[in-house]
Amino acid sequence: MNAIRRLVREILLEDLAGFVKRTQEIQYSSDSADPTFEKHKQTKLQAREVKRIWRAEADHEFMRSLIKIHWIDDKGNRNTFDPVKLLDFLMLPRKNEIATQAWLSDSTIIQSEWGKIGVIVQGTVTLAANDMNEIYSGYFDKLPIGLHQKYRSSGVPRRSTYFNDRNSFVLDRKSFDSTSSEINEFIVDNWRPTGIIIQYPADILIESVRDTVKLGVDAKILGYVDALLSVNKFSGPENTIPIYDETMKQIDMRQLARARKGE
């Protein structure tokens, strides 16, 4: 009987309230320039504990159901986009935890200010919050090569470098704020790409590319399209990655390729 009561209690606590209760004694602030906590060993133990409790309390079926996207940074040159940026991300070790934003599976439009092109991924969510500032997992593109070597076997981990407002964390559908998709953060481990998304309606994208080519001007949209066209050359015919527009409608890549030639 005691075992049954304990099981019922554990089921009832599998939500935000359980997470808040079990982390009430944890509070810390670390250095986002040291996202793997190499210089903050004691704080690393607390950050690990937060992820352990989150994993125990979260509704993982709900996490799997979400559309999770890692956006490719395009904040550099105003007029060009380097297609290599997308390929570089796709070549990352799958054990490296990555930061994504999440939408409900029935979302009718996907929009974000973090990039025009994103990689849709599936994998294990290891931590999630409605506000990325409550996780602030840091910037990993500046990690020293030595740290990548250190985590070569296990993968580079991401943790919350700041832990204070535990009520902002997402544990299930009830605690997920669907209006916060542009600012939320879902950390994903053992990920794999299941699609690429570009923030244009498919018909406008194709028409704009065709017109741009005919005008003979250099525009960022051509870099985006070159990136999309290069993806499946890179992955091969056996591992074709579908390309979607912002409404999650699959783009006809043959039509897009013709538009890139001005046809």
C-alpha atoms as a PDB file:
ATOM      1  CA  MET A   1       0.000   0.000   0.000  1.00  0.00           C
ATOM      2  CA  ASN A   2       2.844   2.409   0.867  1.00  0.00           C
ATOM      3  CA  ALA A   3       4.420   1.777  -2.547  1.00  0.00           C
ATOM      4  CA  ILE A   4       1.116   2.634  -4.276  1.00  0.00           C
ATOM      5  CA  ARG A   5       0.753   5.842  -2.268  1.00  0.00           C
ATOM      6  CA  ARG A   6       4.321   6.809  -3.115  1.00  0.00           C
ATOM      7  CA  LEU A   7       3.678   6.175  -6.823  1.00  0.00           C
ATOM      8  CA  VAL A   8       0.508   8.307  -6.787  1.00  0.00           C
ATOM      9  CA  ARG A   9       2.370  11.095  -5.004  1.00  0.00           C
ATOM     10  CA  GLU A  10       5.197  11.019  -7.585  1.00  0.00           C
ATOM     11  CA  ILE A  11       2.675  11.209 -10.458  1.00  0.00           C
ATOM     12  CA  LEU A  12       0.918  14.182  -8.869  1.00  0.00           C
ATOM     13  CA  LEU A  13       4.222  16.005  -8.436  1.00  0.00           C
ATOM     14  CA  GLU A  14       5.219  15.609 -12.098  1.00  0.00           C
ATOM     15  CA  ASP A  15       4.612  19.241 -12.974  1.00  0.00           C
ATOM     16  CA  LEU A  16       5.839  22.753 -12.303  1.00  0.00           C
ATOM     17  CA  ALA A  17       4.732  22.679  -8.667  1.00  0.00           C
ATOM     18  CA  GLY A  18       6.888  19.611  -8.040  1.00  0.00           C
ATOM     19  CA  PHE A  19       9.878  21.254  -9.725  1.00  0.00           C
ATOM     20  CA  VAL A  20       9.431  24.475  -7.732  1.00  0.00           C
ATOM     21  CA  LYS A  21       9.165  22.561  -4.472  1.00  0.00           C
ATOM     22  CA  ARG A  22      12.227  20.409  -5.082  1.00  0.00           C
ATOM     23  CA  THR A  23      14.430  23.340  -6.170  1.00  0.00           C
ATOM     24  CA  GLN A  24      13.350  25.856  -3.526  1.00  0.00           C
ATOM     25  CA  GLU A  25      16.724  25.682  -1.769  1.00  0.00           C
ATOM     26  CA  ILE A  26      18.706  26.207  -4.999  1.00  0.00           C
ATOM     27  CA  GLN A  27      19.681  29.674  -6.151  1.00  0.00           C
ATOM     28  CA  TYR A  28      22.797  30.769  -8.010  1.00  0.00           C
ATOM     29  CA  SER A  29      24.237  33.062 -10.628  1.00  0.00           C
ATOM     30  CA  SER A  30      27.262  32.080 -12.707  1.00  0.00           C
ATOM     31  CA  ASP A  31      29.267  33.507 -15.601  1.00  0.00           C
ATOM     32  CA  SER A  32      27.725  33.166 -19.067  1.00  0.00           C
ATOM     33  CA  ALA A  33      31.247  33.469 -20.494  1.00  0.00           C
ATOM     34  CA  ASP A  34      31.966  30.148 -18.749  1.00  0.00           C
ATOM     35  CA  PRO A  35      28.909  28.125 -19.858  1.00  0.00           C
ATOM     36  CA  THR A  36      30.466  24.750 -19.003  1.00  0.00           C
ATOM     37  CA  PHE A  37      31.298  25.966 -15.464  1.00  0.00           C
ATOM     38  CA  GLU A  38      35.014  25.197 -15.714  1.00  0.00           C
ATOM     39  CA  LYS A  39      35.808  27.930 -13.156  1.00  0.00           C
ATOM     40  CA  HIS A  40      32.695  27.464 -11.027  1.00  0.00           C
ATOM     41  CA  LYS A  41      32.804  23.880  -9.759  1.00  0.00           C
ATOM     42  CA  GLN A  42      30.419  24.339  -6.831  1.00  0.00           C
ATOM     43  CA  THR A  43      27.844  26.135  -8.962  1.00  0.00           C
ATOM     44  CA  LYS A  44      28.140  23.349 -11.554  1.00  0.00           C
ATOM     45  CA  LEU A  45      26.847  20.888  -8.942  1.00  0.00           C
ATOM     46  CA  GLN A  46      23.777  23.065  -8.394  1.00  0.00           C
ATOM     47  CA  ALA A  47      23.200  23.439 -12.145  1.00  0.00           C
ATOM     48  CA  ARG A  48      23.423  19.667 -12.570  1.00  0.00           C
ATOM     49  CA  GLU A  49      20.908  19.193  -9.762  1.00  0.00           C
ATOM     50  CA  VAL A  50      18.451  21.575 -11.438  1.00  0.00           C
ATOM     51  CA  LYS A  51      18.608  19.518 -14.638  1.00  0.00           C
ATOM     52  CA  ARG A  52      18.270  16.258 -12.697  1.00  0.00           C
ATOM     53  CA  ILE A  53      15.124  17.480 -10.916  1.00  0.00           C
ATOM     54  CA  TRP A  54      13.719  18.902 -14.148  1.00  0.00           C
ATOM     55  CA  ARG A  55      14.222  15.550 -15.893  1.00  0.00           C
ATOM     56  CA  ALA A  56      12.367  13.747 -13.073  1.00  0.00           C
ATOM     57  CA  GLU A  57       9.413  16.153 -13.076  1.00  0.00           C
ATOM     58  CA  ALA A  58       8.957  16.934 -16.790  1.00  0.00           C
ATOM     59  CA  ASP A  59       6.339  15.507 -19.125  1.00  0.00           C
ATOM     60  CA  HIS A  60       8.682  14.115 -21.762  1.00  0.00           C
ATOM     61  CA  GLU A  61       5.901  13.057 -24.101  1.00  0.00           C
ATOM     62  CA  PHE A  62       4.804  16.692 -24.304  1.00  0.00           C
ATOM     63  CA  MET A  63       8.407  17.767 -24.933  1.00  0.00           C
ATOM     64  CA  ARG A  64       8.651  15.331 -27.865  1.00  0.00           C
ATOM     65  CA  SER A  65       5.434  16.718 -29.358  1.00  0.00           C
ATOM     66  CA  LEU A  66       6.764  20.277 -29.731  1.00  0.00           C
ATOM     67  CA  ILE A  67       8.304  21.791 -32.860  1.00  0.00           C
ATOM     68  CA  LYS A  68      11.859  22.623 -31.742  1.00  0.00           C
ATOM     69  CA  ILE A  69      14.031  24.903 -33.878  1.00  0.00           C
ATOM     70  CA  HIS A  70      17.643  26.017 -33.665  1.00  0.00           C
ATOM     71  CA  TRP A  71      18.004  29.276 -35.609  1.00  0.00           C
ATOM     72  CA  ILE A  72      21.089  29.992 -37.698  1.00  0.00           C
ATOM     73  CA  ASP A  73      22.561  33.388 -36.863  1.00  0.00           C
ATOM     74  CA  ASP A  74      22.406  35.821 -39.798  1.00  0.00           C
ATOM     75  CA  LYS A  75      23.192  39.059 -37.976  1.00  0.00           C
ATOM     76  CA  GLY A  76      26.471  39.633 -39.858  1.00  0.00           C
ATOM     77  CA  ASN A  77      26.586  41.312 -43.279  1.00  0.00           C
ATOM     78  CA  ARG A  78      23.307  43.069 -44.080  1.00  0.00           C
ATOM     79  CA  ASN A  79      23.336  41.999 -47.739  1.00  0.00           C
ATOM     80  CA  THR A  80      24.709  38.460 -47.697  1.00  0.00           C
ATOM     81  CA  PHE A  81      24.271  35.163 -45.892  1.00  0.00           C
ATOM     82  CA  ASP A  82      26.990  32.526 -45.949  1.00  0.00           C
ATOM     83  CA  PRO A  83      25.435  29.091 -46.684  1.00  0.00           C
ATOM     84  CA  VAL A  84      28.351  27.465 -44.828  1.00  0.00           C
ATOM     85  CA  LYS A  85      26.796  28.601 -41.537  1.00  0.00           C
ATOM     86  CA  LEU A  86      23.947  26.143 -41.998  1.00  0.00           C
ATOM     87  CA  LEU A  87      26.228  23.290 -43.027  1.00  0.00           C
ATOM     88  CA  ASP A  88      28.574  23.982 -40.106  1.00  0.00           C
ATOM     89  CA  PHE A  89      25.679  23.555 -37.691  1.00  0.00           C
ATOM     90  CA  LEU A  90      24.528  20.330 -39.332  1.00  0.00           C
ATOM     91  CA  MET A  91      28.045  18.935 -38.890  1.00  0.00           C
ATOM     92  CA  LEU A  92      28.084  19.506 -35.115  1.00  0.00           C
ATOM     93  CA  PRO A  93      28.309  16.389 -32.919  1.00  0.00           C
ATOM     94  CA  ARG A  94      24.780  15.219 -32.082  1.00  0.00           C
ATOM     95  CA  LYS A  95      25.796  14.796 -28.431  1.00  0.00           C
ATOM     96  CA  ASN A  96      26.464  18.523 -28.096  1.00  0.00           C
ATOM     97  CA  GLU A  97      23.434  20.009 -26.367  1.00  0.00           C
ATOM     98  CA  ILE A  98      21.897  22.837 -28.385  1.00  0.00           C
ATOM     99  CA  ALA A  99      19.554  25.735 -27.631  1.00  0.00           C
ATOM    100  CA  THR A 100      16.228  25.735 -29.455  1.00  0.00           C
ATOM    101  CA  GLN A 101      12.914  27.559 -29.411  1.00  0.00           C
ATOM    102  CA  ALA A 102       9.683  25.593 -29.238  1.00  0.00           C
ATOM    103  CA  TRP A 103       6.202  25.855 -30.745  1.00  0.00           C
ATOM    104  CA  LEU A 104       3.096  23.731 -30.307  1.00  0.00           C
ATOM    105  CA  SER A 105       2.727  21.104 -33.029  1.00  0.00           C
ATOM    106  CA  ASP A 106      -0.465  22.722 -34.359  1.00  0.00           C
ATOM    107  CA  SER A 107       1.088  26.191 -34.760  1.00  0.00           C
ATOM    108  CA  THR A 108      -0.042  27.848 -37.998  1.00  0.00           C
ATOM    109  CA  ILE A 109       2.976  30.127 -38.388  1.00  0.00           C
ATOM    110  CA  ILE A 110       6.554  30.026 -37.111  1.00  0.00           C
ATOM    111  CA  GLN A 111       8.337  33.359 -36.639  1.00  0.00           C
ATOM    112  CA  SER A 112      11.439  34.413 -34.726  1.00  0.00           C
ATOM    113  CA  GLU A 113      13.883  37.303 -34.673  1.00  0.00           C
ATOM    114  CA  TRP A 114      16.844  34.964 -34.164  1.00  0.00           C
ATOM    115  CA  GLY A 115      17.370  34.096 -37.836  1.00  0.00           C
ATOM    116  CA  LYS A 116      15.560  33.583 -41.127  1.00  0.00           C
ATOM    117  CA  ILE A 117      16.664  29.950 -41.414  1.00  0.00           C
ATOM    118  CA  GLY A 118      16.273  27.362 -38.684  1.00  0.00           C
ATOM    119  CA  VAL A 119      16.904  23.656 -38.236  1.00  0.00           C
ATOM    120  CA  ILE A 120      13.961  21.657 -36.910  1.00  0.00           C
ATOM    121  CA  VAL A 121      15.265  18.993 -34.541  1.00  0.00           C
ATOM    122  CA  GLN A 122      14.059  16.040 -32.560  1.00  0.00           C
ATOM    123  CA  GLY A 123      15.906  14.806 -29.504  1.00  0.00           C
ATOM    124  CA  THR A 124      15.812  14.733 -25.711  1.00  0.00           C
ATOM    125  CA  VAL A 125      14.823  17.996 -24.023  1.00  0.00           C
ATOM    126  CA  THR A 126      16.950  18.378 -20.879  1.00  0.00           C
ATOM    127  CA  LEU A 127      15.765  21.780 -19.629  1.00  0.00           C
ATOM    128  CA  ALA A 128      13.141  24.305 -20.721  1.00  0.00           C
ATOM    129  CA  ALA A 129      11.867  27.750 -19.746  1.00  0.00           C
ATOM    130  CA  ASN A 130       9.353  30.220 -21.159  1.00  0.00           C
ATOM    131  CA  ASP A 131      11.990  32.956 -20.914  1.00  0.00           C
ATOM    132  CA  MET A 132      15.498  32.243 -22.210  1.00  0.00           C
ATOM    133  CA  ASN A 133      16.870  34.757 -19.706  1.00  0.00           C
ATOM    134  CA  GLU A 134      15.931  32.348 -16.923  1.00  0.00           C
ATOM    135  CA  ILE A 135      18.285  29.746 -18.420  1.00  0.00           C
ATOM    136  CA  TYR A 136      20.886  31.937 -20.123  1.00  0.00           C
ATOM    137  CA  SER A 137      22.929  28.936 -21.186  1.00  0.00           C
ATOM    138  CA  GLY A 138      25.658  31.070 -22.785  1.00  0.00           C
ATOM    139  CA  TYR A 139      27.342  31.349 -26.167  1.00  0.00           C
ATOM    140  CA  PHE A 140      29.156  28.216 -27.262  1.00  0.00           C
ATOM    141  CA  ASP A 141      30.639  29.459 -30.535  1.00  0.00           C
ATOM    142  CA  LYS A 142      33.455  31.044 -28.521  1.00  0.00           C
ATOM    143  CA  LEU A 143      34.421  27.959 -26.524  1.00  0.00           C
ATOM    144  CA  PRO A 144      38.161  27.193 -26.649  1.00  0.00           C
ATOM    145  CA  ILE A 145      39.135  24.221 -28.813  1.00  0.00           C
ATOM    146  CA  GLY A 146      40.455  22.502 -25.696  1.00  0.00           C
ATOM    147  CA  LEU A 147      36.970  22.330 -24.188  1.00  0.00           C
ATOM    148  CA  HIS A 148      35.545  20.776 -27.340  1.00  0.00           C
ATOM    149  CA  GLN A 149      38.256  18.138 -27.013  1.00  0.00           C
ATOM    150  CA  LYS A 150      37.425  17.623 -23.323  1.00  0.00           C
ATOM    151  CA  TYR A 151      33.775  16.890 -24.108  1.00  0.00           C
ATOM    152  CA  ARG A 152      34.433  15.025 -27.357  1.00  0.00           C
ATOM    153  CA  SER A 153      33.071  11.746 -25.992  1.00  0.00           C
ATOM    154  CA  SER A 154      30.124  12.924 -23.875  1.00  0.00           C
ATOM    155  CA  GLY A 155      29.209  16.024 -25.885  1.00  0.00           C
ATOM    156  CA  VAL A 156      29.334  19.660 -24.758  1.00  0.00           C
ATOM    157  CA  PRO A 157      26.685  20.192 -22.042  1.00  0.00           C
ATOM    158  CA  ARG A 158      24.398  23.186 -21.645  1.00  0.00           C
ATOM    159  CA  ARG A 159      23.125  24.244 -18.243  1.00  0.00           C
ATOM    160  CA  SER A 160      21.369  27.198 -16.738  1.00  0.00           C
ATOM    161  CA  THR A 161      24.041  29.751 -15.765  1.00  0.00           C
ATOM    162  CA  TYR A 162      21.408  31.538 -13.698  1.00  0.00           C
ATOM    163  CA  PHE A 163      18.697  30.095 -11.483  1.00  0.00           C
ATOM    164  CA  ASN A 164      16.228  32.285  -9.657  1.00  0.00           C
ATOM    165  CA  ASP A 165      12.703  32.449 -11.153  1.00  0.00           C
ATOM    166  CA  ARG A 166      11.851  28.746 -11.131  1.00  0.00           C
ATOM    167  CA  ASN A 167       8.224  29.538 -12.008  1.00  0.00           C
ATOM    168  CA  SER A 168       9.315  30.407 -15.556  1.00  0.00           C
ATOM    169  CA  PHE A 169      10.382  26.830 -16.301  1.00  0.00           C
ATOM    170  CA  VAL A 170       8.351  24.561 -18.574  1.00  0.00           C
ATOM    171  CA  LEU A 171       7.478  21.104 -17.296  1.00  0.00           C
ATOM    172  CA  ASP A 172       4.316  20.273 -19.232  1.00  0.00           C
ATOM    173  CA  ARG A 173       1.563  21.720 -21.417  1.00  0.00           C
ATOM    174  CA  LYS A 174       0.043  23.589 -18.473  1.00  0.00           C
ATOM    175  CA  SER A 175       3.271  25.458 -17.710  1.00  0.00           C
ATOM    176  CA  PHE A 176       4.106  26.126 -21.377  1.00  0.00           C
ATOM    177  CA  ASP A 177       3.239  29.671 -22.495  1.00  0.00           C
ATOM    178  CA  SER A 178       2.454  29.383 -26.207  1.00  0.00           C
ATOM    179  CA  THR A 179       2.770  33.172 -26.586  1.00  0.00           C
ATOM    180  CA  SER A 180       6.423  33.038 -25.501  1.00  0.00           C
ATOM    181  CA  SER A 181       7.803  30.939 -28.373  1.00  0.00           C
ATOM    182  CA  GLU A 182       9.978  33.807 -29.638  1.00  0.00           C
ATOM    183  CA  ILE A 183      11.760  34.114 -26.280  1.00  0.00           C
ATOM    184  CA  ASN A 184      11.646  30.626 -24.781  1.00  0.00           C
ATOM    185  CA  GLU A 185      14.568  28.195 -24.603  1.00  0.00           C
ATOM    186  CA  PHE A 186      14.547  24.410 -24.816  1.00  0.00           C
ATOM    187  CA  ILE A 187      17.893  22.656 -24.460  1.00  0.00           C
ATOM    188  CA  VAL A 188      18.058  19.503 -26.617  1.00  0.00           C
ATOM    189  CA  ASP A 189      20.508  16.603 -26.384  1.00  0.00           C
ATOM    190  CA  ASN A 190      21.171  13.711 -28.780  1.00  0.00           C
ATOM    191  CA  TRP A 191      19.456  15.674 -31.517  1.00  0.00           C
ATOM    192  CA  ARG A 192      18.909  14.997 -35.187  1.00  0.00           C
ATOM    193  CA  PRO A 193      17.651  17.340 -37.914  1.00  0.00           C
ATOM    194  CA  THR A 194      14.152  16.550 -39.173  1.00  0.00           C
ATOM    195  CA  GLY A 195      13.662  19.608 -41.377  1.00  0.00           C
ATOM    196  CA  ILE A 196      14.809  23.094 -42.333  1.00  0.00           C
ATOM    197  CA  ILE A 197      12.525  26.114 -42.067  1.00  0.00           C
ATOM    198  CA  ILE A 198      12.773  29.520 -43.724  1.00  0.00           C
ATOM    199  CA  GLN A 199      10.660  32.473 -42.634  1.00  0.00           C
ATOM    200  CA  TYR A 200       8.928  33.217 -45.920  1.00  0.00           C
ATOM    201  CA  PRO A 201       5.655  31.942 -47.422  1.00  0.00           C
ATOM    202  CA  ALA A 202       6.704  29.447 -50.125  1.00  0.00           C
ATOM    203  CA  ASP A 203       5.131  31.309 -53.065  1.00  0.00           C
ATOM    204  CA  ILE A 204       6.599  34.683 -52.044  1.00  0.00           C
ATOM    205  CA  LEU A 205      10.024  33.113 -51.518  1.00  0.00           C
ATOM    206  CA  ILE A 206      10.091  31.564 -55.004  1.00  0.00           C
ATOM    207  CA  GLU A 207       8.787  34.711 -56.684  1.00  0.00           C
ATOM    208  CA  SER A 208      11.238  36.954 -54.814  1.00  0.00           C
ATOM    209  CA  VAL A 209      14.210  34.750 -55.692  1.00  0.00           C
ATOM    210  CA  ARG A 210      13.263  34.666 -59.385  1.00  0.00           C
ATOM    211  CA  ASP A 211      12.842  38.461 -59.502  1.00  0.00           C
ATOM    212  CA  THR A 212      16.109  39.075 -57.638  1.00  0.00           C
ATOM    213  CA  VAL A 213      18.074  36.870 -60.060  1.00  0.00           C
ATOM    214  CA  LYS A 214      16.529  38.584 -63.084  1.00  0.00           C
ATOM    215  CA  LEU A 215      17.433  41.998 -61.683  1.00  0.00           C
ATOM    216  CA  GLY A 216      21.025  40.827 -61.248  1.00  0.00           C
ATOM    217  CA  VAL A 217      21.362  42.163 -57.704  1.00  0.00           C
ATOM    218  CA  ASP A 218      23.141  40.547 -54.770  1.00  0.00           C
ATOM    219  CA  ALA A 219      20.688  40.037 -51.918  1.00  0.00           C
ATOM    220  CA  LYS A 220      20.603  38.093 -48.681  1.00  0.00           C
ATOM    221  CA  ILE A 221      17.682  35.996 -49.884  1.00  0.00           C
ATOM    222  CA  LEU A 222      19.952  34.350 -52.473  1.00  0.00           C
ATOM    223  CA  GLY A 223      22.309  33.272 -49.696  1.00  0.00           C
ATOM    224  CA  TYR A 224      19.393  31.727 -47.839  1.00  0.00           C
ATOM    225  CA  VAL A 225      18.306  29.823 -50.940  1.00  0.00           C
ATOM    226  CA  ASP A 226      21.856  28.663 -51.698  1.00  0.00           C
ATOM    227  CA  ALA A 227      21.978  27.321 -48.135  1.00  0.00           C
ATOM    228  CA  LEU A 228      18.703  25.438 -48.593  1.00  0.00           C
ATOM    229  CA  LEU A 229      19.788  23.991 -51.947  1.00  0.00           C
ATOM    230  CA  SER A 230      23.112  22.850 -50.470  1.00  0.00           C
ATOM    231  CA  VAL A 231      21.583  20.915 -47.574  1.00  0.00           C
ATOM    232  CA  ASN A 232      20.533  17.803 -49.458  1.00  0.00           C
ATOM    233  CA  LYS A 233      23.669  17.824 -51.609  1.00  0.00           C
ATOM    234  CA  PHE A 234      25.485  17.583 -48.297  1.00  0.00           C
ATOM    235  CA  SER A 235      23.217  14.959 -46.693  1.00  0.00           C
ATOM    236  CA  GLY A 236      22.773  12.784 -49.792  1.00  0.00           C
ATOM    237  CA  PRO A 237      19.650  11.264 -51.404  1.00  0.00           C
ATOM    238  CA  GLU A 238      19.262   8.642 -48.654  1.00  0.00           C
ATOM    239  CA  ASN A 239      18.982  11.294 -45.946  1.00  0.00           C
ATOM    240  CA  THR A 240      16.907  13.990 -47.635  1.00  0.00           C
ATOM    241  CA  ILE A 241      15.881  16.729 -45.213  1.00  0.00           C
ATOM    242  CA  PRO A 242      12.520  18.365 -46.018  1.00  0.00           C
ATOM    243  CA  ILE A 243      12.440  22.178 -46.341  1.00  0.00           C
ATOM    244  CA  TYR A 244       9.457  24.101 -44.963  1.00  0.00           C
ATOM    245  CA  ASP A 245       8.152  27.633 -45.172  1.00  0.00           C
ATOM    246  CA  GLU A 246       6.978  29.631 -42.149  1.00  0.00           C
ATOM    247  CA  THR A 247       3.560  27.930 -42.219  1.00  0.00           C
ATOM    248  CA  MET A 248       5.223  24.488 -42.123  1.00  0.00           C
ATOM    249  CA  LYS A 249       4.249  23.871 -45.743  1.00  0.00           C
ATOM    250  CA  GLN A 250       6.897  21.816 -47.539  1.00  0.00           C
ATOM    251  CA  ILE A 251       8.673  23.769 -50.283  1.00  0.00           C
ATOM    252  CA  ASP A 252       9.035  22.300 -53.784  1.00  0.00           C
ATOM    253  CA  MET A 253      12.840  22.358 -54.074  1.00  0.00           C
ATOM    254  CA  ARG A 254      12.817  21.765 -57.842  1.00  0.00           C
ATOM    255  CA  GLN A 255      10.730  24.876 -58.261  1.00  0.00           C
ATOM    256  CA  LEU A 256      13.044  26.803 -55.942  1.00  0.00           C
ATOM    257  CA  ALA A 257      16.105  25.612 -57.872  1.00  0.00           C
ATOM    258  CA  ARG A 258      14.591  26.860 -61.130  1.00  0.00           C
ATOM    259  CA  ALA A 259      13.815  30.219 -59.528  1.00  0.00           C
ATOM    260  CA  ARG A 260      17.468  30.448 -58.428  1.00  0.00           C
ATOM    261  CA  LYS A 261      18.347  30.287 -62.153  1.00  0.00           C
ATOM    262  CA  GLY A 262      15.822  33.023 -62.906  1.00  0.00           C
ATOM    263  CA  GLU A 263      13.405  30.589 -64.528  1.00  0.00           C
END
